[in-house]
Amino acid sequence: MELLYWLESIRTPIGDTFFSLITHFGEETLFIIAGLLFFWCIDKMEGYFLLSVGLSGTVINQFLKLWFRIPRPWVKDPNFTIVESARAEATGYSFPSGHTQSSVGIFGGLTRWNKTLWLRGISIALCVLVPLSRLYLGVHTPLDVGVSIVIALALVFGLYPLIRNAQNSSKTMRLLLVSMTVLAIAYVLFIEFYPFADVDPTNFASGAKNAYTMLGCMLGVWVTYEVDSRYTNFETKAVWWAQLLKLLLGFALIMGLLVCNVTLKPLVGRIRPYDFQIQELGKTWEDILLAGKLLVDTPHDFSFPSGHTIASFEACTVLMLGNKKLGIPATLLAIAIA
């Protein structure tokens, strides 16, 4: 806490504003947007790389949060104050830092993949500034930030040679996607079966939602790879207006799917009361099967809302297949799968 108290002592209004803005570059949605942008318009394999680092890192991060369940700095030490503007987004457990891991993963990935000096310079700067912002704002400890940096860099340097090799080996890519999906399923099983005794219900609910969301995203990336490698094989290069059209249509589709998710969620299932005990094993497996689109009949007393899984699966698949080569047929195929 000594470092946090020192940073607290040197805070200024300008510093508060600057780091409050910088910290947004660590939001988890950023790696999805960046991954899709590169996948569609710049370099398909780099898009897979950024998505793989981001999705895998989020699963690991969420698991560690629920496993250790370490409170935020101001909860551990009531005398410590944070920058109030950061409080609203500083939800959940403290260890490890999600913003730090996401930012170092995405910008470290950009640095590792690209040789352009200006892009590397900006990316490295953000790899330093975003973790620093979490400390300056007072929402994480040095341990939270340090462990997240290590995990993110391990994923960046561990997955980079695999994705590079996957450019010429579909077997390597499929093995990676299978491994990512197994990782997500393992986290779902941890959420459903681990006998939590002292977990905060709100934090648990957030972790459970993220577990199914990540599973849906990973399934979407996997289905996208299979369809694209077998049938579409679209080119990322296009004239500027076609690139812009891809992005506009893609994000319009994902917003539509999210609206549908909110509207239809009551028809999918009801939230299981958080007594942290699984009453029927079958309900858990039904939820996992639904995430894979293998279950079509949902029980009335379904144990967990899979709307996040469904929406993320559909959104990732539709977004990544919505390309100029197949256009509407590819989109309809993704919706049909979902």
Protein backbone atom coordinates (compact mmCIF):
# COMPACT_ATOMS: atom_id res chain seq x y z
CA MET A 1 0.00 0.00 0.00
CA GLU A 2 2.99 2.32 0.36
CA LEU A 3 3.16 2.94 -3.40
CA LEU A 4 -0.58 3.62 -3.56
CA TYR A 5 -0.37 6.10 -0.70
CA TRP A 6 2.52 7.88 -2.44
CA LEU A 7 0.56 8.10 -5.70
CA GLU A 8 -2.43 9.37 -3.72
CA SER A 9 -0.25 12.15 -2.31
CA ILE A 10 0.80 13.44 -5.74
CA ARG A 11 -2.62 13.41 -7.42
CA THR A 12 -3.71 16.55 -9.26
CA PRO A 13 -6.92 17.42 -11.15
CA ILE A 14 -5.04 17.21 -14.45
CA GLY A 15 -3.54 13.85 -13.52
CA ASP A 16 -6.95 12.56 -12.43
CA THR A 17 -8.47 13.51 -15.78
CA PHE A 18 -5.56 12.17 -17.82
CA PHE A 19 -5.40 8.76 -16.16
CA SER A 20 -9.20 8.47 -16.08
CA LEU A 21 -9.12 8.75 -19.87
CA ILE A 22 -6.09 6.48 -20.33
CA THR A 23 -7.62 3.69 -18.25
CA HIS A 24 -10.42 3.25 -20.82
CA PHE A 25 -7.85 1.72 -23.19
CA GLY A 26 -7.88 -1.30 -20.92
CA GLU A 27 -11.56 -2.10 -21.29
CA GLU A 28 -12.22 -5.68 -22.37
CA THR A 29 -14.42 -4.71 -25.32
CA LEU A 30 -11.40 -3.05 -26.92
CA PHE A 31 -9.63 -6.31 -27.80
CA ILE A 32 -12.82 -7.62 -29.46
CA ILE A 33 -13.20 -4.45 -31.53
CA ALA A 34 -9.49 -4.48 -32.44
CA GLY A 35 -9.57 -8.19 -33.24
CA LEU A 36 -12.55 -7.79 -35.54
CA LEU A 37 -11.06 -4.71 -37.22
CA PHE A 38 -7.84 -6.56 -38.03
CA PHE A 39 -9.71 -9.74 -38.98
CA TRP A 40 -11.96 -7.98 -41.46
CA CYS A 41 -9.83 -5.25 -42.92
CA ILE A 42 -6.11 -5.68 -42.26
CA ASP A 43 -4.73 -9.14 -41.45
CA LYS A 44 -6.93 -12.13 -40.73
CA MET A 45 -4.34 -14.06 -38.72
CA GLU A 46 -3.47 -11.01 -36.65
CA GLY A 47 -7.16 -10.73 -35.84
CA TYR A 48 -7.17 -14.33 -34.64
CA PHE A 49 -4.05 -13.59 -32.61
CA LEU A 50 -5.52 -10.57 -30.83
CA LEU A 51 -8.81 -12.36 -30.16
CA SER A 52 -7.01 -15.45 -28.85
CA VAL A 53 -4.87 -13.41 -26.45
CA GLY A 54 -7.85 -11.37 -25.28
CA LEU A 55 -10.36 -14.20 -24.84
CA SER A 56 -7.91 -16.59 -23.17
CA GLY A 57 -6.64 -13.83 -20.91
CA THR A 58 -10.16 -12.87 -19.84
CA VAL A 59 -10.98 -16.46 -18.85
CA ILE A 60 -7.77 -16.78 -16.81
CA ASN A 61 -8.32 -13.37 -15.22
CA GLN A 62 -11.90 -14.13 -14.22
CA PHE A 63 -10.94 -17.51 -12.80
CA LEU A 64 -8.21 -15.97 -10.63
CA LYS A 65 -10.59 -13.27 -9.38
CA LEU A 66 -13.08 -15.84 -8.11
CA TRP A 67 -10.42 -18.21 -6.83
CA PHE A 68 -8.57 -15.67 -4.66
CA ARG A 69 -11.46 -13.24 -4.03
CA ILE A 70 -9.21 -10.36 -2.92
CA PRO A 71 -11.08 -7.10 -2.17
CA ARG A 72 -10.23 -3.71 -3.62
CA PRO A 73 -7.55 -1.53 -1.93
CA TRP A 74 -10.02 0.87 -0.31
CA VAL A 75 -11.97 -2.07 1.11
CA LYS A 76 -8.84 -3.57 2.67
CA ASP A 77 -7.75 -0.16 3.99
CA PRO A 78 -10.66 2.23 4.69
CA ASN A 79 -8.23 5.12 5.19
CA PHE A 80 -7.13 4.93 1.56
CA THR A 81 -9.02 7.05 -0.98
CA ILE A 82 -9.37 6.58 -4.72
CA VAL A 83 -10.17 8.90 -7.60
CA GLU A 84 -13.95 8.96 -7.31
CA SER A 85 -14.57 9.01 -11.05
CA ALA A 86 -13.01 5.52 -11.24
CA ARG A 87 -15.22 3.96 -8.57
CA ALA A 88 -18.20 3.19 -10.80
CA GLU A 89 -16.19 0.94 -13.13
CA ALA A 90 -14.02 -0.59 -10.41
CA THR A 91 -16.39 -3.45 -9.69
CA GLY A 92 -15.62 -7.04 -8.77
CA TYR A 93 -12.61 -8.42 -6.99
CA SER A 94 -9.24 -6.71 -7.19
CA PHE A 95 -6.77 -9.47 -8.08
CA PRO A 96 -5.69 -9.59 -10.86
CA SER A 97 -6.33 -6.40 -12.83
CA GLY A 98 -8.58 -6.96 -15.84
CA HIS A 99 -7.81 -3.57 -17.42
CA THR A 100 -4.08 -4.18 -17.14
CA GLN A 101 -4.26 -7.65 -18.63
CA SER A 102 -6.51 -6.55 -21.48
CA SER A 103 -4.37 -3.54 -22.39
CA VAL A 104 -1.02 -5.34 -22.21
CA GLY A 105 -2.52 -8.23 -24.16
CA ILE A 106 -3.92 -6.13 -27.00
CA PHE A 107 -1.15 -3.55 -27.27
CA GLY A 108 1.59 -6.06 -26.49
CA GLY A 109 0.12 -8.22 -29.23
CA LEU A 110 0.19 -5.33 -31.68
CA THR A 111 3.83 -4.66 -30.76
CA ARG A 112 4.81 -8.31 -31.21
CA TRP A 113 3.07 -8.74 -34.55
CA ASN A 114 3.91 -5.47 -36.29
CA LYS A 115 7.18 -3.88 -37.30
CA THR A 116 5.84 -0.33 -37.84
CA LEU A 117 7.74 1.96 -35.48
CA TRP A 118 4.97 4.47 -34.76
CA LEU A 119 2.48 1.70 -33.98
CA ARG A 120 4.98 -0.03 -31.73
CA GLY A 121 5.74 3.24 -29.95
CA ILE A 122 2.08 3.99 -29.21
CA SER A 123 1.40 0.39 -28.17
CA ILE A 124 4.36 0.22 -25.79
CA ALA A 125 3.35 3.56 -24.26
CA LEU A 126 -0.17 2.26 -23.58
CA CYS A 127 1.27 -0.98 -22.15
CA VAL A 128 2.90 1.23 -19.52
CA LEU A 129 0.29 3.95 -19.05
CA VAL A 130 -2.82 1.79 -18.59
CA PRO A 131 -1.32 -0.30 -15.74
CA LEU A 132 0.02 2.91 -14.20
CA SER A 133 -3.47 4.42 -14.42
CA ARG A 134 -4.91 1.57 -12.35
CA LEU A 135 -2.39 2.32 -9.61
CA TYR A 136 -2.79 6.11 -9.83
CA LEU A 137 -6.57 5.88 -9.64
CA GLY A 138 -6.21 3.64 -6.60
CA VAL A 139 -8.33 0.76 -7.87
CA HIS A 140 -5.57 -1.90 -7.88
CA THR A 141 -2.46 -2.82 -5.94
CA PRO A 142 0.99 -3.39 -7.51
CA LEU A 143 0.46 -7.15 -7.09
CA ASP A 144 -2.82 -6.99 -9.05
CA VAL A 145 -1.13 -5.11 -11.87
CA GLY A 146 2.14 -7.08 -11.87
CA VAL A 147 0.51 -10.50 -12.11
CA SER A 148 -1.75 -9.29 -14.93
CA ILE A 149 1.24 -8.02 -16.89
CA VAL A 150 3.00 -11.38 -16.53
CA ILE A 151 -0.08 -13.32 -17.69
CA ALA A 152 -0.68 -11.02 -20.64
CA LEU A 153 2.94 -11.16 -21.83
CA ALA A 154 3.00 -14.94 -21.42
CA LEU A 155 -0.05 -15.21 -23.68
CA VAL A 156 1.37 -12.76 -26.23
CA PHE A 157 4.71 -14.54 -26.57
CA GLY A 158 3.23 -18.02 -26.13
CA LEU A 159 0.46 -17.69 -28.72
CA TYR A 160 2.45 -15.68 -31.28
CA PRO A 161 4.48 -18.61 -32.71
CA LEU A 162 1.37 -20.83 -32.70
CA ILE A 163 -0.67 -18.34 -34.73
CA ARG A 164 2.24 -17.74 -37.11
CA ASN A 165 2.55 -21.48 -37.62
CA ALA A 166 -1.22 -21.74 -38.08
CA GLN A 167 -0.94 -19.57 -41.20
CA ASN A 168 0.35 -22.69 -42.96
CA SER A 169 -1.16 -25.37 -40.73
CA SER A 170 -4.90 -25.72 -40.17
CA LYS A 171 -4.15 -28.51 -37.70
CA THR A 172 -2.30 -26.07 -35.42
CA MET A 173 -5.12 -23.55 -35.61
CA ARG A 174 -7.76 -26.14 -34.80
CA LEU A 175 -5.72 -27.41 -31.87
CA LEU A 176 -5.47 -23.87 -30.54
CA LEU A 177 -9.20 -23.26 -30.92
CA VAL A 178 -10.02 -26.55 -29.24
CA SER A 179 -7.71 -25.65 -26.36
CA MET A 180 -9.33 -22.23 -25.95
CA THR A 181 -12.80 -23.77 -25.94
CA VAL A 182 -11.78 -26.39 -23.38
CA LEU A 183 -10.38 -23.57 -21.22
CA ALA A 184 -13.73 -21.75 -21.39
CA ILE A 185 -15.67 -24.94 -20.59
CA ALA A 186 -13.38 -25.59 -17.62
CA TYR A 187 -14.19 -22.12 -16.28
CA VAL A 188 -17.93 -22.76 -16.73
CA LEU A 189 -17.60 -26.02 -14.81
CA PHE A 190 -15.66 -24.21 -12.09
CA ILE A 191 -18.49 -21.68 -11.79
CA GLU A 192 -21.15 -24.36 -11.62
CA PHE A 193 -19.52 -26.98 -9.43
CA TYR A 194 -17.01 -25.33 -7.09
CA PRO A 195 -18.47 -25.11 -3.56
CA PHE A 196 -18.13 -21.36 -3.02
CA ALA A 197 -18.65 -20.51 0.62
CA ASP A 198 -17.73 -16.83 1.11
CA VAL A 199 -18.13 -15.31 -2.33
CA ASP A 200 -19.98 -12.04 -2.82
CA PRO A 201 -23.18 -12.75 -4.82
CA THR A 202 -22.75 -9.74 -7.10
CA ASN A 203 -19.16 -10.66 -7.95
CA PHE A 204 -20.17 -14.26 -8.50
CA ALA A 205 -22.98 -13.23 -10.83
CA SER A 206 -20.54 -11.13 -12.86
CA GLY A 207 -18.04 -14.00 -13.06
CA ALA A 208 -20.76 -16.43 -14.11
CA LYS A 209 -21.99 -14.10 -16.83
CA ASN A 210 -18.45 -13.67 -18.13
CA ALA A 211 -17.91 -17.45 -18.12
CA TYR A 212 -20.78 -18.07 -20.51
CA THR A 213 -20.01 -14.97 -22.57
CA MET A 214 -16.42 -16.13 -23.14
CA LEU A 215 -17.61 -19.63 -24.04
CA GLY A 216 -19.97 -18.14 -26.61
CA CYS A 217 -17.22 -15.94 -28.05
CA MET A 218 -14.77 -18.84 -28.36
CA LEU A 219 -17.38 -21.02 -30.04
CA GLY A 220 -18.09 -18.14 -32.43
CA VAL A 221 -14.41 -17.77 -33.34
CA TRP A 222 -14.10 -21.53 -33.86
CA VAL A 223 -17.17 -21.76 -36.12
CA THR A 224 -15.94 -18.73 -38.04
CA TYR A 225 -12.55 -20.34 -38.69
CA GLU A 226 -14.12 -23.59 -39.89
CA VAL A 227 -16.57 -21.85 -42.25
CA ASP A 228 -14.00 -19.39 -43.58
CA SER A 229 -11.26 -22.00 -44.12
CA ARG A 230 -13.64 -24.39 -45.88
CA TYR A 231 -15.95 -22.11 -47.83
CA THR A 232 -15.39 -18.33 -47.78
CA ASN A 233 -11.62 -17.65 -47.72
CA PHE A 234 -12.36 -13.95 -48.00
CA GLU A 235 -9.74 -11.31 -48.68
CA THR A 236 -9.16 -8.59 -46.11
CA LYS A 237 -8.08 -6.04 -48.72
CA ALA A 238 -10.76 -3.84 -50.25
CA VAL A 239 -11.44 -0.24 -51.28
CA TRP A 240 -12.04 2.19 -48.42
CA TRP A 241 -15.82 2.34 -48.77
CA ALA A 242 -16.10 -1.46 -48.73
CA GLN A 243 -14.00 -1.61 -45.56
CA LEU A 244 -16.21 1.00 -43.93
CA LEU A 245 -19.31 -0.89 -45.03
CA LYS A 246 -18.01 -4.08 -43.41
CA LEU A 247 -17.56 -2.32 -40.10
CA LEU A 248 -20.90 -0.49 -40.16
CA LEU A 249 -22.90 -3.56 -41.10
CA GLY A 250 -21.02 -5.75 -38.66
CA PHE A 251 -21.50 -3.53 -35.65
CA ALA A 252 -25.12 -2.88 -36.62
CA LEU A 253 -25.65 -6.65 -36.57
CA ILE A 254 -24.06 -7.08 -33.18
CA MET A 255 -26.14 -4.27 -31.70
CA GLY A 256 -29.26 -5.89 -33.12
CA LEU A 257 -28.31 -9.23 -31.59
CA LEU A 258 -27.67 -7.64 -28.22
CA VAL A 259 -31.09 -5.98 -28.32
CA CYS A 260 -32.66 -9.33 -29.19
CA ASN A 261 -30.77 -10.91 -26.30
CA VAL A 262 -32.23 -8.43 -23.83
CA THR A 263 -35.72 -8.81 -25.28
CA LEU A 264 -35.76 -12.61 -25.46
CA LYS A 265 -33.76 -13.36 -22.33
CA PRO A 266 -36.88 -14.12 -20.23
CA LEU A 267 -37.80 -16.80 -22.79
CA VAL A 268 -34.39 -18.45 -22.59
CA GLY A 269 -34.30 -19.13 -18.89
CA ARG A 270 -34.41 -17.67 -15.44
CA ILE A 271 -31.49 -16.74 -13.21
CA ARG A 272 -30.57 -19.49 -10.79
CA PRO A 273 -30.67 -18.36 -7.16
CA TYR A 274 -27.08 -17.98 -6.00
CA ASP A 275 -27.07 -20.63 -3.27
CA PHE A 276 -23.84 -21.91 -4.88
CA GLN A 277 -25.13 -25.48 -4.92
CA ILE A 278 -26.04 -27.38 -8.08
CA GLN A 279 -29.21 -29.33 -7.53
CA GLU A 280 -29.31 -31.26 -10.76
CA LEU A 281 -26.27 -32.20 -12.84
CA GLY A 282 -28.41 -32.40 -15.97
CA LYS A 283 -29.19 -28.71 -15.89
CA THR A 284 -25.52 -27.77 -16.10
CA TRP A 285 -24.91 -30.03 -19.07
CA GLU A 286 -28.03 -28.68 -20.78
CA ASP A 287 -26.58 -25.20 -20.45
CA ILE A 288 -23.23 -26.24 -21.92
CA LEU A 289 -24.95 -28.02 -24.80
CA LEU A 290 -27.07 -24.98 -25.51
CA ALA A 291 -23.89 -22.92 -25.70
CA GLY A 292 -22.84 -25.23 -28.52
CA LYS A 293 -26.24 -24.99 -30.20
CA LEU A 294 -26.88 -28.68 -29.70
CA LEU A 295 -29.85 -28.30 -27.40
CA VAL A 296 -33.13 -27.06 -28.85
CA ASP A 297 -35.60 -27.72 -26.06
CA THR A 298 -35.04 -25.55 -23.00
CA PRO A 299 -36.49 -26.80 -19.68
CA HIS A 300 -38.84 -24.41 -17.92
CA ASP A 301 -36.65 -24.36 -14.79
CA PHE A 302 -33.40 -23.83 -16.65
CA SER A 303 -30.58 -23.27 -14.17
CA PHE A 304 -28.66 -20.39 -15.73
CA PRO A 305 -29.45 -17.70 -18.32
CA SER A 306 -27.52 -18.57 -21.48
CA GLY A 307 -28.57 -15.39 -23.23
CA HIS A 308 -25.00 -14.04 -22.96
CA THR A 309 -23.62 -17.24 -24.46
CA ILE A 310 -26.14 -17.18 -27.28
CA ALA A 311 -25.67 -13.51 -28.09
CA SER A 312 -21.87 -13.66 -28.02
CA PHE A 313 -21.83 -16.82 -30.15
CA GLU A 314 -24.16 -15.28 -32.71
CA ALA A 315 -22.44 -11.90 -32.67
CA CYS A 316 -18.91 -13.25 -33.14
CA THR A 317 -20.01 -15.61 -35.89
CA VAL A 318 -22.11 -13.06 -37.78
CA LEU A 319 -19.52 -10.30 -37.40
CA MET A 320 -16.63 -12.42 -38.59
CA LEU A 321 -18.49 -14.03 -41.48
CA GLY A 322 -20.09 -10.85 -42.77
CA ASN A 323 -17.59 -10.31 -45.60
CA LYS A 324 -17.73 -9.17 -49.18
CA LYS A 325 -17.26 -12.60 -50.75
CA LEU A 326 -20.39 -14.26 -49.40
CA GLY A 327 -22.18 -11.24 -48.03
CA ILE A 328 -25.77 -12.00 -47.09
CA PRO A 329 -25.46 -15.80 -47.55
CA ALA A 330 -22.67 -15.90 -44.98
CA THR A 331 -24.68 -13.84 -42.55
CA LEU A 332 -27.74 -16.05 -43.00
CA LEU A 333 -25.56 -19.12 -42.47
CA ALA A 334 -24.24 -17.72 -39.20
CA ILE A 335 -27.76 -16.90 -38.00
CA ALA A 336 -28.95 -20.36 -39.01
CA ILE A 337 -26.13 -21.96 -37.01
CA ALA A 338 -26.97 -19.77 -34.04
